[in-house]
Amino acid sequence: MTDERFEWISRRAYAIWEAAGRPWGCSQHHWEQAAKEREIMERTRASADGEEILARFRPKAAETPRSEDDARDTEKNQVPDGRRVG
């Protein structure tokens, strides 16, 4: 295991431990979880914060659901062939 990988897993395991409320006797479990996360990150070639992976799951601006009022307003402002007026 490289020093960089070991350091990342160590910091991540510590963060998991803190997030879990610092329970006693769970260090091996937290280390294994951090190691699995690192392995997934390396397999997907994600950055340290995983931003590009998260971006895949965010809705695109064009796909953002509209409210019913917005949909009605859009329908009112369209002519039969679909062009928008006013």
Protein backbone atom coordinates (compact mmCIF):
# COMPACT_ATOMS: atom_id res chain seq x y z
CA MET A 1 0.00 0.00 0.00
CA THR A 2 1.39 3.37 -0.97
CA ASP A 3 1.87 6.09 1.63
CA GLU A 4 -0.67 8.31 -0.12
CA ARG A 5 -3.29 5.54 -0.18
CA PHE A 6 -2.61 4.64 3.46
CA GLU A 7 -2.93 8.28 4.50
CA TRP A 8 -6.23 8.68 2.60
CA ILE A 9 -7.71 5.55 4.16
CA SER A 10 -6.51 6.63 7.59
CA ARG A 11 -8.11 10.07 7.29
CA ARG A 12 -11.34 8.61 5.89
CA ALA A 13 -11.57 5.95 8.61
CA TYR A 14 -11.12 8.67 11.22
CA ALA A 15 -13.90 10.74 9.60
CA ILE A 16 -16.21 7.70 9.57
CA TRP A 17 -15.41 7.08 13.24
CA GLU A 18 -16.21 10.70 14.14
CA ALA A 19 -19.45 10.65 12.11
CA ALA A 20 -20.50 7.47 13.94
CA GLY A 21 -20.13 9.22 17.29
CA ARG A 22 -16.65 7.93 18.12
CA PRO A 23 -17.71 4.43 19.21
CA TRP A 24 -15.15 2.25 20.96
CA GLY A 25 -14.03 -0.99 19.32
CA CYS A 26 -15.10 -0.27 15.73
CA SER A 27 -11.77 0.79 14.24
CA GLN A 28 -11.39 -2.33 12.06
CA HIS A 29 -14.87 -1.87 10.61
CA HIS A 30 -14.21 1.81 9.86
CA TRP A 31 -10.84 0.98 8.29
CA GLU A 32 -12.45 -1.66 6.04
CA GLN A 33 -15.19 0.73 5.00
CA ALA A 34 -12.64 3.42 4.14
CA ALA A 35 -10.53 0.91 2.19
CA LYS A 36 -13.60 -0.17 0.19
CA GLU A 37 -14.45 3.45 -0.59
CA ARG A 38 -10.88 4.05 -1.77
CA GLU A 39 -11.03 0.94 -3.96
CA ILE A 40 -14.27 2.12 -5.56
CA MET A 41 -12.78 5.56 -6.08
CA GLU A 42 -9.71 4.08 -7.76
CA ARG A 43 -11.81 1.77 -9.95
CA THR A 44 -13.99 4.63 -11.16
CA ARG A 45 -11.04 7.02 -11.32
CA ALA A 46 -13.01 9.52 -9.30
CA SER A 47 -11.37 12.56 -7.79
CA ALA A 48 -10.86 12.73 -4.03
CA ASP A 49 -14.20 14.48 -3.53
CA GLY A 50 -16.01 12.38 -6.15
CA GLU A 51 -17.49 15.50 -7.76
CA GLU A 52 -17.65 14.06 -11.29
CA ILE A 53 -19.48 10.97 -10.02
CA LEU A 54 -22.00 13.07 -8.11
CA ALA A 55 -22.51 15.28 -11.17
CA ARG A 56 -23.83 12.26 -13.09
CA PHE A 57 -26.68 11.92 -10.61
CA ARG A 58 -27.70 15.57 -10.45
CA PRO A 59 -30.63 16.58 -12.66
CA LYS A 60 -29.70 18.72 -15.62
CA ALA A 61 -31.22 22.20 -15.77
CA ALA A 62 -33.43 21.24 -18.74
CA GLU A 63 -34.69 18.18 -16.87
CA THR A 64 -35.63 20.04 -13.71
CA PRO A 65 -39.29 19.38 -12.94
CA ARG A 66 -41.55 22.40 -13.19
CA SER A 67 -44.47 23.24 -11.00
CA GLU A 68 -48.01 22.82 -12.30
CA ASP A 69 -48.43 26.61 -12.43
CA ASP A 70 -45.36 26.94 -14.68
CA ALA A 71 -46.69 24.18 -16.95
CA ARG A 72 -50.10 25.90 -17.24
CA ASP A 73 -48.47 29.25 -18.03
CA THR A 74 -46.37 27.61 -20.73
CA GLU A 75 -49.44 25.97 -22.27
CA LYS A 76 -51.32 29.32 -22.30
CA ASN A 77 -48.45 31.03 -24.12
CA GLN A 78 -48.19 28.50 -26.96
CA VAL A 79 -50.02 28.41 -30.26
CA PRO A 80 -51.24 25.02 -31.63
CA ASP A 81 -48.05 24.32 -33.60
CA GLY A 82 -45.97 24.56 -30.37
CA ARG A 83 -44.45 28.00 -30.91
CA ARG A 84 -44.35 30.24 -27.90
CA VAL A 85 -45.98 33.66 -28.00
CA GLY A 86 -45.81 36.62 -25.62
